[in-house]
């Protein structure tokens, strides 16, 4: 039963922290789905729309709409696939890369402010917790 209570508290804490981090945005007109797609391109590099959809856990038609909106904003561009004429490759533009990096910076600055209010011992506990959570999530 203690594990169940811990699982519930941890789930809620992670959800709340994620929600607060996602709220730290430089532009409210860009959707969280669009930011997530750009963040994946930032991390993974150029992808086909299908691979981007798979990484984001959405259906390809939904991702096509996201990509189209991001193209209109000048954040991504499509180019022909080098070996498959039926596909395209989606890449971040310089503007898109700058947007993602500024978004990351704003979120990390918010988190830095929150961490600054903690004691050294609390920050050490969070350092250990971050390593454990990362391992649990499979990002070792």
C-alpha atoms as a PDB file:
ATOM      1  CA  UNK A   1       0.000   0.000   0.000  1.00  0.00           C
ATOM      2  CA  UNK A   2       2.912   2.385   0.704  1.00  0.00           C
ATOM      3  CA  UNK A   3       4.142   1.941  -2.877  1.00  0.00           C
ATOM      4  CA  UNK A   4       0.665   2.833  -4.167  1.00  0.00           C
ATOM      5  CA  UNK A   5       0.618   6.038  -2.120  1.00  0.00           C
ATOM      6  CA  UNK A   6       4.115   6.939  -3.315  1.00  0.00           C
ATOM      7  CA  UNK A   7       3.131   6.239  -6.907  1.00  0.00           C
ATOM      8  CA  UNK A   8       0.116   8.511  -6.593  1.00  0.00           C
ATOM      9  CA  UNK A   9       2.064  11.358  -4.939  1.00  0.00           C
ATOM     10  CA  UNK A  10       4.888  11.083  -7.465  1.00  0.00           C
ATOM     11  CA  UNK A  11       2.495  11.044 -10.416  1.00  0.00           C
ATOM     12  CA  UNK A  12       0.677  14.126  -9.169  1.00  0.00           C
ATOM     13  CA  UNK A  13       3.901  15.976  -8.410  1.00  0.00           C
ATOM     14  CA  UNK A  14       5.337  15.243 -11.864  1.00  0.00           C
ATOM     15  CA  UNK A  15       2.080  16.269 -13.564  1.00  0.00           C
ATOM     16  CA  UNK A  16       1.910  19.532 -11.597  1.00  0.00           C
ATOM     17  CA  UNK A  17       5.561  20.380 -12.252  1.00  0.00           C
ATOM     18  CA  UNK A  18       5.147  19.590 -15.942  1.00  0.00           C
ATOM     19  CA  UNK A  19       2.052  21.780 -16.115  1.00  0.00           C
ATOM     20  CA  UNK A  20       3.885  24.691 -14.449  1.00  0.00           C
ATOM     21  CA  UNK A  21       6.898  24.306 -16.750  1.00  0.00           C
ATOM     22  CA  UNK A  22       4.712  24.165 -19.847  1.00  0.00           C
ATOM     23  CA  UNK A  23       2.994  27.371 -18.735  1.00  0.00           C
ATOM     24  CA  UNK A  24       6.341  29.183 -18.966  1.00  0.00           C
ATOM     25  CA  UNK A  25       6.065  30.283 -22.594  1.00  0.00           C
ATOM     26  CA  UNK A  26       7.413  33.171 -24.607  1.00  0.00           C
ATOM     27  CA  UNK A  27       4.489  33.204 -27.039  1.00  0.00           C
ATOM     28  CA  UNK A  28       0.993  32.118 -26.068  1.00  0.00           C
ATOM     29  CA  UNK A  29      -0.115  31.965 -29.724  1.00  0.00           C
ATOM     30  CA  UNK A  30       2.103  28.942 -30.389  1.00  0.00           C
ATOM     31  CA  UNK A  31       0.347  25.840 -29.083  1.00  0.00           C
ATOM     32  CA  UNK A  32       1.928  23.359 -26.708  1.00  0.00           C
ATOM     33  CA  UNK A  33       1.575  20.713 -29.443  1.00  0.00           C
ATOM     34  CA  UNK A  34       3.510  22.936 -31.837  1.00  0.00           C
ATOM     35  CA  UNK A  35       6.190  23.591 -29.228  1.00  0.00           C
ATOM     36  CA  UNK A  36       6.465  19.859 -28.544  1.00  0.00           C
ATOM     37  CA  UNK A  37       6.908  19.075 -32.254  1.00  0.00           C
ATOM     38  CA  UNK A  38       9.587  21.742 -32.594  1.00  0.00           C
ATOM     39  CA  UNK A  39      11.322  20.491 -29.449  1.00  0.00           C
ATOM     40  CA  UNK A  40      11.448  17.000 -30.929  1.00  0.00           C
ATOM     41  CA  UNK A  41      12.971  18.357 -34.141  1.00  0.00           C
ATOM     42  CA  UNK A  42      15.440  20.340 -32.042  1.00  0.00           C
ATOM     43  CA  UNK A  43      16.464  17.208 -30.144  1.00  0.00           C
ATOM     44  CA  UNK A  44      16.323  14.644 -32.973  1.00  0.00           C
ATOM     45  CA  UNK A  45      17.093  16.706 -36.060  1.00  0.00           C
ATOM     46  CA  UNK A  46      15.259  16.471 -39.365  1.00  0.00           C
ATOM     47  CA  UNK A  47      12.446  13.891 -39.523  1.00  0.00           C
ATOM     48  CA  UNK A  48       9.758  12.788 -41.903  1.00  0.00           C
ATOM     49  CA  UNK A  49       6.250  13.874 -40.879  1.00  0.00           C
ATOM     50  CA  UNK A  50       5.419  10.231 -40.103  1.00  0.00           C
ATOM     51  CA  UNK A  51       8.404   9.798 -37.785  1.00  0.00           C
ATOM     52  CA  UNK A  52       7.656  13.106 -36.095  1.00  0.00           C
ATOM     53  CA  UNK A  53       4.039  12.013 -35.580  1.00  0.00           C
ATOM     54  CA  UNK A  54       5.204   8.705 -34.098  1.00  0.00           C
ATOM     55  CA  UNK A  55       7.613  10.396 -31.702  1.00  0.00           C
ATOM     56  CA  UNK A  56       4.871  12.788 -30.595  1.00  0.00           C
ATOM     57  CA  UNK A  57       2.276  10.006 -30.283  1.00  0.00           C
ATOM     58  CA  UNK A  58      -0.205  11.578 -32.696  1.00  0.00           C
ATOM     59  CA  UNK A  59      -1.767  10.482 -35.962  1.00  0.00           C
ATOM     60  CA  UNK A  60      -0.017  11.612 -39.182  1.00  0.00           C
ATOM     61  CA  UNK A  61      -2.941  13.810 -40.323  1.00  0.00           C
ATOM     62  CA  UNK A  62      -2.770  15.711 -37.022  1.00  0.00           C
ATOM     63  CA  UNK A  63       0.969  16.185 -37.426  1.00  0.00           C
ATOM     64  CA  UNK A  64       0.467  17.409 -40.987  1.00  0.00           C
ATOM     65  CA  UNK A  65      -1.738  20.206 -39.612  1.00  0.00           C
ATOM     66  CA  UNK A  66       0.877  21.061 -36.976  1.00  0.00           C
ATOM     67  CA  UNK A  67       3.644  21.153 -39.585  1.00  0.00           C
ATOM     68  CA  UNK A  68       1.567  23.338 -41.901  1.00  0.00           C
ATOM     69  CA  UNK A  69       0.918  25.841 -39.097  1.00  0.00           C
ATOM     70  CA  UNK A  70       4.605  25.862 -38.148  1.00  0.00           C
ATOM     71  CA  UNK A  71       5.570  26.420 -41.781  1.00  0.00           C
ATOM     72  CA  UNK A  72       3.219  29.405 -41.929  1.00  0.00           C
ATOM     73  CA  UNK A  73       4.934  30.826 -38.837  1.00  0.00           C
ATOM     74  CA  UNK A  74       8.352  30.286 -40.439  1.00  0.00           C
ATOM     75  CA  UNK A  75       9.468  27.820 -37.748  1.00  0.00           C
ATOM     76  CA  UNK A  76       9.898  24.723 -39.932  1.00  0.00           C
ATOM     77  CA  UNK A  77      10.445  23.923 -43.569  1.00  0.00           C
ATOM     78  CA  UNK A  78       9.820  20.848 -45.665  1.00  0.00           C
ATOM     79  CA  UNK A  79      12.242  19.574 -48.265  1.00  0.00           C
ATOM     80  CA  UNK A  80      12.158  16.536 -50.555  1.00  0.00           C
ATOM     81  CA  UNK A  81      13.284  13.265 -49.037  1.00  0.00           C
ATOM     82  CA  UNK A  82      16.667  12.334 -50.547  1.00  0.00           C
ATOM     83  CA  UNK A  83      15.693   8.740 -51.386  1.00  0.00           C
ATOM     84  CA  UNK A  84      11.888   8.558 -51.272  1.00  0.00           C
ATOM     85  CA  UNK A  85      10.056  10.942 -53.561  1.00  0.00           C
ATOM     86  CA  UNK A  86       6.765  10.275 -51.762  1.00  0.00           C
ATOM     87  CA  UNK A  87       8.050  11.727 -48.499  1.00  0.00           C
ATOM     88  CA  UNK A  88       9.346  15.020 -47.197  1.00  0.00           C
ATOM     89  CA  UNK A  89      11.832  15.938 -44.526  1.00  0.00           C
ATOM     90  CA  UNK A  90      10.861  18.498 -41.883  1.00  0.00           C
ATOM     91  CA  UNK A  91      13.568  20.674 -40.341  1.00  0.00           C
ATOM     92  CA  UNK A  92      13.604  23.617 -37.976  1.00  0.00           C
ATOM     93  CA  UNK A  93      14.453  26.956 -39.517  1.00  0.00           C
ATOM     94  CA  UNK A  94      16.818  29.323 -37.732  1.00  0.00           C
ATOM     95  CA  UNK A  95      13.754  31.135 -36.413  1.00  0.00           C
ATOM     96  CA  UNK A  96      12.298  27.853 -35.132  1.00  0.00           C
ATOM     97  CA  UNK A  97      15.569  26.855 -33.463  1.00  0.00           C
ATOM     98  CA  UNK A  98      15.777  30.276 -31.768  1.00  0.00           C
ATOM     99  CA  UNK A  99      12.156  29.964 -30.582  1.00  0.00           C
ATOM    100  CA  UNK A 100      12.801  26.526 -29.029  1.00  0.00           C
ATOM    101  CA  UNK A 101      16.015  27.671 -27.372  1.00  0.00           C
ATOM    102  CA  UNK A 102      14.298  30.766 -25.936  1.00  0.00           C
ATOM    103  CA  UNK A 103      11.418  28.605 -24.677  1.00  0.00           C
ATOM    104  CA  UNK A 104      13.881  26.257 -22.978  1.00  0.00           C
ATOM    105  CA  UNK A 105      15.692  29.241 -21.480  1.00  0.00           C
ATOM    106  CA  UNK A 106      12.462  30.728 -20.068  1.00  0.00           C
ATOM    107  CA  UNK A 107      11.458  27.396 -18.543  1.00  0.00           C
ATOM    108  CA  UNK A 108      14.879  26.774 -17.038  1.00  0.00           C
ATOM    109  CA  UNK A 109      15.014  30.318 -15.632  1.00  0.00           C
ATOM    110  CA  UNK A 110      11.663  29.692 -13.901  1.00  0.00           C
ATOM    111  CA  UNK A 111      12.977  26.412 -12.502  1.00  0.00           C
ATOM    112  CA  UNK A 112      16.256  28.083 -11.432  1.00  0.00           C
ATOM    113  CA  UNK A 113      14.240  30.635  -9.440  1.00  0.00           C
ATOM    114  CA  UNK A 114      12.267  27.873  -7.740  1.00  0.00           C
ATOM    115  CA  UNK A 115      15.425  25.890  -6.958  1.00  0.00           C
ATOM    116  CA  UNK A 116      17.130  28.983  -5.530  1.00  0.00           C
ATOM    117  CA  UNK A 117      14.472  29.071  -2.814  1.00  0.00           C
ATOM    118  CA  UNK A 118      15.387  25.602  -1.584  1.00  0.00           C
ATOM    119  CA  UNK A 119      18.025  24.583   0.910  1.00  0.00           C
ATOM    120  CA  UNK A 120      21.200  22.840  -0.182  1.00  0.00           C
ATOM    121  CA  UNK A 121      19.909  19.611   1.311  1.00  0.00           C
ATOM    122  CA  UNK A 122      16.643  19.904  -0.636  1.00  0.00           C
ATOM    123  CA  UNK A 123      18.543  20.532  -3.879  1.00  0.00           C
ATOM    124  CA  UNK A 124      20.666  17.453  -3.198  1.00  0.00           C
ATOM    125  CA  UNK A 125      17.522  15.358  -2.694  1.00  0.00           C
ATOM    126  CA  UNK A 126      16.186  16.688  -6.025  1.00  0.00           C
ATOM    127  CA  UNK A 127      19.489  15.864  -7.737  1.00  0.00           C
ATOM    128  CA  UNK A 128      19.122  12.280  -6.590  1.00  0.00           C
ATOM    129  CA  UNK A 129      15.409  12.227  -7.452  1.00  0.00           C
ATOM    130  CA  UNK A 130      16.107  13.546 -10.962  1.00  0.00           C
ATOM    131  CA  UNK A 131      18.571  10.715 -11.564  1.00  0.00           C
ATOM    132  CA  UNK A 132      16.074   8.140 -10.301  1.00  0.00           C
ATOM    133  CA  UNK A 133      13.167   9.587 -12.312  1.00  0.00           C
ATOM    134  CA  UNK A 134      15.327   9.690 -15.432  1.00  0.00           C
ATOM    135  CA  UNK A 135      16.231   6.035 -14.903  1.00  0.00           C
ATOM    136  CA  UNK A 136      12.566   5.133 -14.341  1.00  0.00           C
ATOM    137  CA  UNK A 137      11.640   6.924 -17.560  1.00  0.00           C
ATOM    138  CA  UNK A 138      14.273   4.941 -19.447  1.00  0.00           C
ATOM    139  CA  UNK A 139      16.517   7.902 -20.280  1.00  0.00           C
ATOM    140  CA  UNK A 140      19.673   6.562 -18.666  1.00  0.00           C
END
